[in-house]
């Protein structure tokens, strides 16, 4: 009925929705493990709100990020400075209050549902928003060009695929399966952050 009325295949729609949901579950698992099992002491990042120019506010935040969290990652890994931020609502609100000359918003925009997603870039950092992160919390990590050059990686042995449809009584059932391995390789390359207004 749906195909004849709307020209869409319900099996394709259901598959896309299920894959999206499974992706969210994997993302949630990885982000929670990265934050909860980091071996680095939390760093405080001050977001100035005083009577100074916007440029000075941005410079102060970037300087604090670079001197603290980013340098810790470089020293602990021997590889590079931190280049990824995962943040809660407070830093997201501060960032989005800046004129867009100070940060580049992700062109994909809001996906239409509340899940972890890329916000854009701020200085040398790719910034991701996690709605389940505490409002004033976040973390910094890094990612290199090679797939295993990261604090945490996921290796897919078999991608997420639908199983064959099986008739059970009067119902036809189908499921999804995948095979992957998780490795939290460098817990010392994930720096928990606490954002405070000053």
N, C-alpha and C. Protein backbone atom coordinates (compact mmCIF):
# COMPACT_ATOMS: atom_id res chain seq x y z
N UNK A 1 0.84 -1.20 0.00
CA UNK A 1 0.00 0.00 0.00
C UNK A 1 0.88 1.26 0.00
N UNK A 2 1.90 1.25 0.86
CA UNK A 2 2.76 2.43 0.93
C UNK A 2 3.48 2.67 -0.40
N UNK A 3 3.94 1.58 -1.00
CA UNK A 3 4.66 1.73 -2.27
C UNK A 3 3.74 2.27 -3.35
N UNK A 4 2.50 1.79 -3.40
CA UNK A 4 1.58 2.26 -4.44
C UNK A 4 1.13 3.70 -4.20
N UNK A 5 0.99 4.10 -2.93
CA UNK A 5 0.51 5.45 -2.64
C UNK A 5 1.63 6.49 -2.66
N UNK A 6 2.80 6.13 -2.09
CA UNK A 6 3.86 7.13 -1.93
C UNK A 6 5.10 6.84 -2.76
N UNK A 7 5.13 5.69 -3.43
CA UNK A 7 6.27 5.37 -4.27
C UNK A 7 7.53 5.02 -3.51
N UNK A 8 7.39 4.65 -2.24
CA UNK A 8 8.56 4.27 -1.45
C UNK A 8 8.43 2.82 -1.00
N UNK A 9 9.57 2.20 -0.78
CA UNK A 9 9.61 0.82 -0.35
C UNK A 9 9.73 0.77 1.17
N UNK A 10 8.75 0.20 1.85
CA UNK A 10 8.76 0.20 3.31
C UNK A 10 9.94 -0.60 3.86
N UNK A 11 10.40 -1.64 3.12
CA UNK A 11 11.55 -2.40 3.60
C UNK A 11 12.81 -1.53 3.62
N UNK A 12 12.95 -0.68 2.62
CA UNK A 12 14.10 0.24 2.57
C UNK A 12 13.99 1.24 3.72
N UNK A 13 12.80 1.80 3.93
CA UNK A 13 12.59 2.77 5.01
C UNK A 13 12.90 2.16 6.37
N UNK A 14 12.38 0.97 6.62
CA UNK A 14 12.60 0.30 7.90
C UNK A 14 14.08 -0.02 8.09
N UNK A 15 14.73 -0.48 7.04
CA UNK A 15 16.16 -0.79 7.12
C UNK A 15 16.96 0.46 7.47
N UNK A 16 16.67 1.57 6.82
CA UNK A 16 17.39 2.82 7.10
C UNK A 16 17.17 3.27 8.55
N UNK A 17 15.93 3.17 9.03
CA UNK A 17 15.64 3.57 10.41
C UNK A 17 16.37 2.68 11.41
N UNK A 18 16.37 1.37 11.16
CA UNK A 18 17.05 0.44 12.07
C UNK A 18 18.56 0.66 12.08
N UNK A 19 19.14 0.89 10.90
CA UNK A 19 20.58 1.15 10.83
C UNK A 19 20.94 2.44 11.55
N UNK A 20 20.09 3.46 11.41
CA UNK A 20 20.33 4.72 12.10
C UNK A 20 20.27 4.53 13.61
N UNK A 21 19.30 3.75 14.07
CA UNK A 21 19.16 3.48 15.51
C UNK A 21 20.37 2.69 16.04
N UNK A 22 20.81 1.70 15.29
CA UNK A 22 21.97 0.91 15.72
C UNK A 22 23.22 1.78 15.75
N UNK A 23 23.35 2.69 14.80
CA UNK A 23 24.48 3.62 14.78
C UNK A 23 24.46 4.49 16.04
N UNK A 24 23.26 4.96 16.43
CA UNK A 24 23.15 5.77 17.65
C UNK A 24 23.56 4.98 18.88
N UNK A 25 23.16 3.71 18.95
CA UNK A 25 23.53 2.87 20.10
C UNK A 25 25.04 2.68 20.16
N UNK A 26 25.67 2.43 19.01
CA UNK A 26 27.12 2.26 19.00
C UNK A 26 27.82 3.55 19.40
N UNK A 27 27.34 4.67 18.88
CA UNK A 27 27.93 5.96 19.21
C UNK A 27 27.80 6.24 20.70
N UNK A 28 26.63 5.96 21.26
CA UNK A 28 26.42 6.18 22.69
C UNK A 28 27.39 5.34 23.53
N UNK A 29 27.54 4.07 23.17
CA UNK A 29 28.44 3.16 23.88
C UNK A 29 29.87 3.69 23.85
N UNK A 30 30.32 4.12 22.67
CA UNK A 30 31.70 4.59 22.52
C UNK A 30 31.93 5.88 23.29
N UNK A 31 31.03 6.85 23.15
CA UNK A 31 31.20 8.13 23.84
C UNK A 31 31.20 7.96 25.35
N UNK A 32 30.30 7.12 25.88
CA UNK A 32 30.25 6.89 27.32
C UNK A 32 31.54 6.27 27.83
N UNK A 33 32.05 5.28 27.10
CA UNK A 33 33.30 4.63 27.52
C UNK A 33 34.47 5.60 27.46
N UNK A 34 34.53 6.41 26.43
CA UNK A 34 35.64 7.36 26.30
C UNK A 34 35.66 8.33 27.47
N UNK A 35 34.50 8.84 27.85
CA UNK A 35 34.45 9.81 28.94
C UNK A 35 34.66 9.14 30.30
N UNK A 36 33.97 8.04 30.54
CA UNK A 36 33.99 7.41 31.87
C UNK A 36 35.30 6.72 32.21
N UNK A 37 36.04 6.27 31.20
CA UNK A 37 37.27 5.50 31.48
C UNK A 37 38.54 6.23 31.06
N UNK A 38 38.45 7.53 30.87
CA UNK A 38 39.65 8.32 30.60
C UNK A 38 40.57 8.26 31.83
N UNK A 39 41.87 8.27 31.59
CA UNK A 39 42.83 8.23 32.70
C UNK A 39 43.45 9.60 32.96
N UNK A 40 42.88 10.64 32.37
CA UNK A 40 43.43 12.00 32.49
C UNK A 40 42.57 12.82 33.44
N UNK A 41 43.22 13.69 34.20
CA UNK A 41 42.53 14.58 35.13
C UNK A 41 41.70 15.62 34.35
N UNK A 42 40.52 15.89 34.86
CA UNK A 42 39.63 16.86 34.21
C UNK A 42 40.27 18.24 34.16
N UNK A 43 40.12 18.91 33.03
CA UNK A 43 40.64 20.26 32.82
C UNK A 43 39.48 21.25 32.81
N UNK A 44 39.70 22.42 33.39
CA UNK A 44 38.65 23.45 33.42
C UNK A 44 38.88 24.44 32.29
N UNK A 45 37.82 24.69 31.52
CA UNK A 45 37.87 25.64 30.41
C UNK A 45 36.94 26.80 30.73
N UNK A 46 37.51 28.00 30.80
CA UNK A 46 36.74 29.19 31.14
C UNK A 46 36.16 29.81 29.87
N UNK A 47 34.84 30.06 29.91
CA UNK A 47 34.16 30.74 28.81
C UNK A 47 33.85 32.18 29.27
N UNK A 48 34.67 33.15 28.86
CA UNK A 48 34.47 34.51 29.36
C UNK A 48 33.18 35.14 28.86
N UNK A 49 32.50 35.80 29.78
CA UNK A 49 31.26 36.49 29.42
C UNK A 49 31.33 37.97 29.80
N UNK A 50 32.50 38.39 30.26
CA UNK A 50 32.66 39.77 30.73
C UNK A 50 32.61 40.78 29.61
N UNK A 51 32.94 42.02 29.96
CA UNK A 51 32.83 43.14 29.02
C UNK A 51 34.12 43.27 28.22
N UNK A 52 34.42 42.23 27.40
CA UNK A 52 35.57 42.27 26.51
C UNK A 52 35.07 41.95 25.10
N UNK A 53 35.92 42.17 24.13
CA UNK A 53 35.49 41.94 22.74
C UNK A 53 35.27 40.44 22.50
N UNK A 54 34.46 40.15 21.50
CA UNK A 54 34.22 38.76 21.12
C UNK A 54 35.53 38.11 20.70
N UNK A 55 36.35 38.84 19.99
CA UNK A 55 37.64 38.29 19.54
C UNK A 55 38.50 37.88 20.74
N UNK A 56 38.50 38.71 21.79
CA UNK A 56 39.28 38.39 22.99
C UNK A 56 38.71 37.15 23.69
N UNK A 57 37.38 37.02 23.71
CA UNK A 57 36.75 35.84 24.32
C UNK A 57 37.16 34.57 23.58
N UNK A 58 37.08 34.60 22.26
CA UNK A 58 37.45 33.44 21.44
C UNK A 58 38.92 33.10 21.64
N UNK A 59 39.77 34.12 21.64
CA UNK A 59 41.21 33.90 21.81
C UNK A 59 41.50 33.26 23.17
N UNK A 60 40.81 33.71 24.20
CA UNK A 60 41.04 33.16 25.55
C UNK A 60 40.64 31.68 25.63
N UNK A 61 39.50 31.33 25.05
CA UNK A 61 39.05 29.94 25.06
C UNK A 61 40.01 29.05 24.27
N UNK A 62 40.39 29.49 23.07
CA UNK A 62 41.30 28.70 22.25
C UNK A 62 42.66 28.54 22.94
N UNK A 63 43.13 29.59 23.57
CA UNK A 63 44.42 29.51 24.27
C UNK A 63 44.36 28.51 25.42
N UNK A 64 43.24 28.50 26.16
CA UNK A 64 43.08 27.55 27.27
C UNK A 64 43.01 26.12 26.74
N UNK A 65 42.26 25.91 25.67
CA UNK A 65 42.18 24.57 25.07
C UNK A 65 43.55 24.11 24.58
N UNK A 66 44.28 25.00 23.90
CA UNK A 66 45.58 24.63 23.33
C UNK A 66 46.62 24.35 24.41
N UNK A 67 46.67 25.19 25.44
CA UNK A 67 47.68 25.03 26.48
C UNK A 67 47.41 23.82 27.36
N UNK A 68 46.13 23.57 27.61
CA UNK A 68 45.80 22.49 28.53
C UNK A 68 45.57 21.18 27.84
N UNK A 69 44.36 20.98 27.41
CA UNK A 69 43.93 19.67 26.92
C UNK A 69 44.70 19.21 25.69
N UNK A 70 44.88 20.09 24.72
CA UNK A 70 45.54 19.67 23.48
C UNK A 70 46.98 19.25 23.73
N UNK A 71 47.68 19.98 24.60
CA UNK A 71 49.07 19.67 24.89
C UNK A 71 49.20 18.35 25.66
N UNK A 72 48.25 18.05 26.54
CA UNK A 72 48.26 16.78 27.28
C UNK A 72 48.20 15.61 26.31
N UNK A 73 47.33 15.71 25.30
CA UNK A 73 47.19 14.63 24.32
C UNK A 73 48.48 14.43 23.54
N UNK A 74 49.12 15.51 23.12
CA UNK A 74 50.37 15.40 22.38
C UNK A 74 51.46 14.74 23.23
N UNK A 75 51.54 15.12 24.49
CA UNK A 75 52.56 14.55 25.37
C UNK A 75 52.29 13.07 25.67
N UNK A 76 51.02 12.72 25.84
CA UNK A 76 50.68 11.33 26.20
C UNK A 76 50.77 10.36 25.03
N UNK A 77 50.58 10.86 23.81
CA UNK A 77 50.58 9.96 22.65
C UNK A 77 51.86 10.03 21.84
N UNK A 78 52.58 11.14 21.94
CA UNK A 78 53.73 11.34 21.08
C UNK A 78 53.35 11.54 19.62
N UNK A 79 52.09 11.86 19.37
CA UNK A 79 51.60 11.96 18.00
C UNK A 79 51.24 13.40 17.62
N UNK A 80 50.17 13.90 18.16
CA UNK A 80 49.68 15.21 17.73
C UNK A 80 48.83 15.82 18.84
N UNK A 81 48.55 17.09 18.66
CA UNK A 81 47.67 17.79 19.59
C UNK A 81 46.23 17.29 19.40
N UNK A 82 45.42 17.49 20.42
CA UNK A 82 44.01 17.15 20.30
C UNK A 82 43.37 17.94 19.18
N UNK A 83 42.41 17.32 18.46
CA UNK A 83 41.76 18.03 17.37
C UNK A 83 40.25 17.78 17.31
N UNK A 84 39.70 17.06 18.31
CA UNK A 84 38.26 16.78 18.37
C UNK A 84 37.72 17.18 19.73
N UNK A 85 36.57 17.84 19.74
CA UNK A 85 35.87 18.18 20.98
C UNK A 85 34.48 17.56 20.94
N UNK A 86 34.09 16.94 22.06
CA UNK A 86 32.71 16.46 22.23
C UNK A 86 32.17 17.23 23.43
N UNK A 87 31.12 18.00 23.24
CA UNK A 87 30.69 18.95 24.28
C UNK A 87 29.20 18.80 24.61
N UNK A 88 28.86 19.31 25.79
CA UNK A 88 27.47 19.38 26.23
C UNK A 88 26.84 20.70 25.83
N UNK A 89 25.71 20.99 26.45
CA UNK A 89 24.90 22.13 26.03
C UNK A 89 25.55 23.49 26.29
N UNK A 90 26.28 23.64 27.40
CA UNK A 90 26.83 24.96 27.74
C UNK A 90 27.81 25.47 26.69
N UNK A 91 28.77 24.63 26.29
CA UNK A 91 29.74 25.08 25.30
C UNK A 91 29.08 25.22 23.94
N UNK A 92 28.13 24.35 23.64
CA UNK A 92 27.41 24.49 22.37
C UNK A 92 26.70 25.84 22.32
N UNK A 93 26.02 26.23 23.40
CA UNK A 93 25.31 27.52 23.43
C UNK A 93 26.29 28.68 23.29
N UNK A 94 27.43 28.59 23.98
CA UNK A 94 28.44 29.65 23.88
C UNK A 94 28.96 29.75 22.46
N UNK A 95 29.25 28.60 21.87
CA UNK A 95 29.79 28.58 20.51
C UNK A 95 28.79 29.14 19.51
N UNK A 96 27.54 28.75 19.63
CA UNK A 96 26.52 29.21 18.68
C UNK A 96 26.14 30.67 18.87
N UNK A 97 26.55 31.26 20.01
CA UNK A 97 26.29 32.69 20.22
C UNK A 97 27.34 33.56 19.53
N UNK A 98 28.43 32.94 19.06
CA UNK A 98 29.50 33.70 18.40
C UNK A 98 29.09 34.04 16.96
N UNK A 99 29.58 35.16 16.46
CA UNK A 99 29.39 35.44 15.03
C UNK A 99 30.05 34.33 14.21
N UNK A 100 29.50 34.01 13.05
CA UNK A 100 30.02 32.87 12.30
C UNK A 100 31.38 33.10 11.66
N UNK A 101 31.99 34.24 11.90
CA UNK A 101 33.38 34.42 11.44
C UNK A 101 34.36 33.72 12.38
N UNK A 102 33.88 33.33 13.57
CA UNK A 102 34.76 32.69 14.55
C UNK A 102 34.61 31.17 14.59
N UNK A 103 33.59 30.65 13.94
CA UNK A 103 33.45 29.21 13.84
C UNK A 103 32.66 28.87 12.59
N UNK A 104 32.87 27.69 12.05
CA UNK A 104 32.21 27.27 10.81
C UNK A 104 31.21 26.18 11.15
N UNK A 105 29.94 26.50 10.95
CA UNK A 105 28.88 25.55 11.26
C UNK A 105 28.86 24.42 10.23
N UNK A 106 28.58 23.19 10.70
CA UNK A 106 28.51 22.05 9.80
C UNK A 106 27.38 22.28 8.79
N UNK A 107 27.65 22.12 7.49
CA UNK A 107 26.62 22.40 6.48
C UNK A 107 25.42 21.46 6.54
N UNK A 108 25.58 20.29 7.14
CA UNK A 108 24.45 19.35 7.23
C UNK A 108 23.39 19.85 8.20
N UNK A 109 23.80 20.68 9.16
CA UNK A 109 22.83 21.24 10.10
C UNK A 109 22.26 20.22 11.06
N UNK A 110 21.10 20.53 11.60
CA UNK A 110 20.43 19.68 12.57
C UNK A 110 19.79 18.50 11.87
N UNK A 111 20.06 17.25 12.33
CA UNK A 111 19.50 16.09 11.64
C UNK A 111 18.01 15.87 11.90
N UNK A 112 17.42 16.62 12.82
CA UNK A 112 15.99 16.47 13.08
C UNK A 112 15.68 15.58 14.26
N UNK A 113 16.71 15.04 14.90
CA UNK A 113 16.50 14.26 16.12
C UNK A 113 17.68 14.50 17.05
N UNK A 114 17.45 14.32 18.31
CA UNK A 114 18.44 14.66 19.33
C UNK A 114 19.40 13.50 19.53
N UNK A 115 20.55 13.58 18.87
CA UNK A 115 21.57 12.55 19.01
C UNK A 115 22.93 13.20 18.82
N UNK A 116 24.01 12.51 19.16
CA UNK A 116 25.34 13.09 18.93
C UNK A 116 25.53 13.45 17.47
N UNK A 117 26.10 14.62 17.22
CA UNK A 117 26.27 15.08 15.85
C UNK A 117 27.34 16.16 15.78
N UNK A 118 27.85 16.37 14.58
CA UNK A 118 28.87 17.39 14.37
C UNK A 118 28.23 18.77 14.34
N UNK A 119 28.82 19.70 15.10
CA UNK A 119 28.36 21.09 15.09
C UNK A 119 29.10 21.91 14.04
N UNK A 120 30.41 21.68 13.95
CA UNK A 120 31.22 22.45 13.02
C UNK A 120 32.66 22.48 13.47
N UNK A 121 33.40 23.51 13.07
CA UNK A 121 34.80 23.65 13.47
C UNK A 121 35.01 24.97 14.19
N UNK A 122 35.85 24.90 15.21
CA UNK A 122 36.19 26.07 16.03
C UNK A 122 37.70 26.09 16.17
N UNK A 123 38.34 27.05 15.49
CA UNK A 123 39.80 27.05 15.47
C UNK A 123 40.27 25.75 14.82
N UNK A 124 41.21 25.04 15.45
CA UNK A 124 41.72 23.78 14.87
C UNK A 124 40.88 22.56 15.25
N UNK A 125 39.75 22.76 15.92
CA UNK A 125 38.98 21.64 16.47
C UNK A 125 37.69 21.37 15.70
N UNK A 126 37.43 20.08 15.45
CA UNK A 126 36.11 19.66 15.01
C UNK A 126 35.28 19.51 16.27
N UNK A 127 34.10 20.11 16.30
CA UNK A 127 33.28 20.11 17.51
C UNK A 127 32.03 19.27 17.28
N UNK A 128 31.78 18.33 18.20
CA UNK A 128 30.61 17.47 18.17
C UNK A 128 29.78 17.72 19.42
N UNK A 129 28.48 17.68 19.26
CA UNK A 129 27.56 17.89 20.38
C UNK A 129 26.99 16.56 20.82
N UNK A 130 27.00 16.34 22.13
CA UNK A 130 26.41 15.12 22.70
C UNK A 130 25.31 15.53 23.67
N UNK A 131 24.05 15.34 23.32
CA UNK A 131 22.95 15.79 24.19
C UNK A 131 22.88 15.04 25.52
N UNK A 132 23.54 13.90 25.62
CA UNK A 132 23.51 13.15 26.88
C UNK A 132 24.70 13.46 27.77
N UNK A 133 25.59 14.31 27.29
CA UNK A 133 26.69 14.77 28.11
C UNK A 133 26.13 15.78 29.12
N UNK A 134 26.68 15.82 30.33
CA UNK A 134 26.25 16.84 31.29
C UNK A 134 26.46 18.22 30.67
N UNK A 135 25.60 19.16 31.00
CA UNK A 135 25.61 20.47 30.34
C UNK A 135 26.98 21.14 30.34
N UNK A 136 27.69 21.07 31.47
CA UNK A 136 28.97 21.78 31.59
C UNK A 136 30.18 20.89 31.33
N UNK A 137 29.96 19.70 30.77
CA UNK A 137 31.06 18.75 30.56
C UNK A 137 31.35 18.55 29.07
N UNK A 138 32.44 17.85 28.83
CA UNK A 138 32.84 17.50 27.48
C UNK A 138 34.16 16.77 27.55
N UNK A 139 34.73 16.48 26.41
CA UNK A 139 36.09 15.94 26.39
C UNK A 139 36.75 16.27 25.07
N UNK A 140 38.09 16.25 25.10
CA UNK A 140 38.89 16.45 23.90
C UNK A 140 39.64 15.16 23.61
N UNK A 141 39.78 14.84 22.35
CA UNK A 141 40.58 13.70 21.93
C UNK A 141 41.22 14.05 20.60
N UNK A 142 41.80 13.06 19.94
CA UNK A 142 42.43 13.33 18.66
C UNK A 142 42.09 12.22 17.67
N UNK A 143 42.31 12.52 16.40
CA UNK A 143 42.13 11.53 15.34
C UNK A 143 43.11 11.86 14.23
N UNK A 144 43.93 10.88 13.85
CA UNK A 144 44.87 11.06 12.76
C UNK A 144 44.28 10.57 11.45
N UNK A 145 45.10 10.50 10.42
CA UNK A 145 44.62 10.08 9.11
C UNK A 145 44.44 8.57 9.02
N UNK A 146 45.27 7.81 9.72
CA UNK A 146 45.16 6.35 9.70
C UNK A 146 44.02 5.92 10.61
N UNK A 147 43.24 4.89 10.24
CA UNK A 147 42.03 4.52 10.99
C UNK A 147 42.32 4.16 12.44
N UNK A 148 43.50 3.60 12.72
CA UNK A 148 43.81 3.21 14.10
C UNK A 148 44.54 4.30 14.86
N UNK A 149 44.76 5.46 14.23
CA UNK A 149 45.44 6.57 14.91
C UNK A 149 44.40 7.42 15.62
N UNK A 150 43.87 6.84 16.71
CA UNK A 150 42.83 7.50 17.50
C UNK A 150 42.83 6.88 18.89
N UNK A 151 42.15 7.55 19.81
CA UNK A 151 42.06 7.02 21.17
C UNK A 151 41.19 5.78 21.22
N UNK A 152 40.17 5.74 20.41
CA UNK A 152 39.20 4.63 20.42
C UNK A 152 38.87 4.30 18.98
N UNK A 153 38.84 3.04 18.65
CA UNK A 153 38.43 2.69 17.29
C UNK A 153 37.56 1.45 17.27
N UNK A 154 36.82 1.36 16.18
CA UNK A 154 35.85 0.30 15.97
C UNK A 154 36.19 -0.40 14.67
N UNK A 155 36.43 -1.71 14.73
CA UNK A 155 36.73 -2.48 13.54
C UNK A 155 35.54 -3.33 13.15
N UNK A 156 35.05 -3.13 11.95
CA UNK A 156 33.88 -3.87 11.46
C UNK A 156 34.35 -5.14 10.74
N UNK A 157 33.94 -6.31 11.25
CA UNK A 157 34.21 -7.56 10.55
C UNK A 157 33.11 -7.83 9.53
N UNK A 158 31.89 -7.52 9.91
CA UNK A 158 30.75 -7.69 9.02
C UNK A 158 29.84 -6.49 9.24
N UNK A 159 29.51 -5.76 8.21
CA UNK A 159 28.66 -4.58 8.41
C UNK A 159 27.26 -4.97 8.88
N UNK A 160 26.53 -3.97 9.34
CA UNK A 160 25.17 -4.22 9.80
C UNK A 160 24.32 -4.62 8.60
N UNK A 161 23.74 -5.83 8.66
CA UNK A 161 22.95 -6.34 7.53
C UNK A 161 21.65 -6.95 8.03
N UNK A 162 20.60 -6.91 7.21
CA UNK A 162 19.35 -7.58 7.61
C UNK A 162 19.49 -9.10 7.44
N UNK A 163 18.88 -9.84 8.33
CA UNK A 163 18.86 -11.30 8.20
C UNK A 163 17.72 -11.70 7.25
N UNK A 164 17.68 -12.97 6.90
CA UNK A 164 16.58 -13.46 6.07
C UNK A 164 15.26 -13.37 6.84
N UNK A 165 14.19 -13.15 6.12
CA UNK A 165 12.86 -13.13 6.73
C UNK A 165 12.47 -14.57 7.07
N UNK A 166 11.96 -14.75 8.29
CA UNK A 166 11.55 -16.07 8.77
C UNK A 166 10.09 -16.01 9.19
N UNK A 167 9.28 -16.99 8.77
CA UNK A 167 7.88 -17.03 9.16
C UNK A 167 7.75 -17.75 10.50
N UNK A 168 7.22 -17.04 11.49
CA UNK A 168 6.97 -17.60 12.81
C UNK A 168 5.46 -17.57 13.05
N UNK A 169 4.82 -18.72 12.93
CA UNK A 169 3.36 -18.75 13.04
C UNK A 169 2.77 -18.00 11.87
N UNK A 170 2.11 -16.89 12.18
CA UNK A 170 1.51 -16.08 11.12
C UNK A 170 2.32 -14.82 10.83
N UNK A 171 3.39 -14.60 11.61
CA UNK A 171 4.20 -13.38 11.44
C UNK A 171 5.47 -13.66 10.66
N UNK A 172 5.90 -12.70 9.88
CA UNK A 172 7.20 -12.78 9.20
C UNK A 172 8.16 -11.88 9.95
N UNK A 173 9.27 -12.44 10.42
CA UNK A 173 10.23 -11.70 11.22
C UNK A 173 11.57 -11.58 10.49
N UNK A 174 12.19 -10.44 10.64
CA UNK A 174 13.53 -10.22 10.12
C UNK A 174 14.30 -9.43 11.18
N UNK A 175 15.60 -9.62 11.25
CA UNK A 175 16.40 -8.93 12.26
C UNK A 175 17.63 -8.32 11.58
N UNK A 176 18.49 -7.74 12.40
CA UNK A 176 19.74 -7.17 11.90
C UNK A 176 20.88 -7.76 12.70
N UNK A 177 22.02 -7.92 12.06
CA UNK A 177 23.18 -8.42 12.79
C UNK A 177 24.43 -7.73 12.26
N UNK A 178 25.46 -7.72 13.08
CA UNK A 178 26.74 -7.18 12.66
C UNK A 178 27.82 -7.81 13.53
N UNK A 179 29.05 -7.68 13.10
CA UNK A 179 30.18 -8.15 13.90
C UNK A 179 31.24 -7.06 13.89
N UNK A 180 31.68 -6.67 15.06
CA UNK A 180 32.70 -5.64 15.15
C UNK A 180 33.53 -5.84 16.42
N UNK A 181 34.66 -5.18 16.47
CA UNK A 181 35.51 -5.20 17.66
C UNK A 181 35.77 -3.77 18.09
N UNK A 182 35.68 -3.52 19.39
CA UNK A 182 35.95 -2.21 19.95
C UNK A 182 37.29 -2.24 20.65
N UNK A 183 38.04 -1.16 20.56
CA UNK A 183 39.32 -1.05 21.28
C UNK A 183 39.50 0.36 21.79
N UNK A 184 39.53 0.51 23.12
CA UNK A 184 39.84 1.80 23.73
C UNK A 184 41.35 1.81 23.91
N UNK A 185 42.04 2.24 22.87
CA UNK A 185 43.48 2.07 22.78
C UNK A 185 44.27 3.04 23.63
N UNK A 186 43.80 4.29 23.72
CA UNK A 186 44.57 5.32 24.43
C UNK A 186 43.67 6.12 25.37
N UNK A 187 43.33 5.57 26.54
CA UNK A 187 42.52 6.36 27.48
C UNK A 187 43.25 7.60 28.00
N UNK A 188 44.57 7.65 27.79
CA UNK A 188 45.31 8.85 28.19
C UNK A 188 45.29 9.93 27.11
N UNK A 189 44.56 9.67 26.01
CA UNK A 189 44.41 10.66 24.94
C UNK A 189 42.98 11.20 24.90
N UNK A 190 42.25 11.04 26.00
CA UNK A 190 40.91 11.61 26.14
C UNK A 190 40.93 12.48 27.40
N UNK A 191 40.75 13.78 27.21
CA UNK A 191 40.85 14.72 28.32
C UNK A 191 39.45 15.22 28.69
N UNK A 192 38.94 14.82 29.86
CA UNK A 192 37.64 15.36 30.29
C UNK A 192 37.72 16.87 30.51
N UNK A 193 36.67 17.57 30.12
CA UNK A 193 36.63 19.03 30.24
C UNK A 193 35.44 19.46 31.07
N UNK A 194 35.63 20.54 31.81
CA UNK A 194 34.53 21.18 32.54
C UNK A 194 34.50 22.64 32.08
N UNK A 195 33.37 23.06 31.51
CA UNK A 195 33.23 24.41 31.01
C UNK A 195 32.57 25.29 32.07
N UNK A 196 33.22 26.39 32.37
CA UNK A 196 32.69 27.33 33.38
C UNK A 196 32.64 28.73 32.79
N UNK A 197 31.65 29.51 33.19
CA UNK A 197 31.55 30.89 32.73
C UNK A 197 32.31 31.79 33.70
N UNK A 198 32.98 32.78 33.15
CA UNK A 198 33.79 33.67 34.00
C UNK A 198 33.42 35.12 33.73
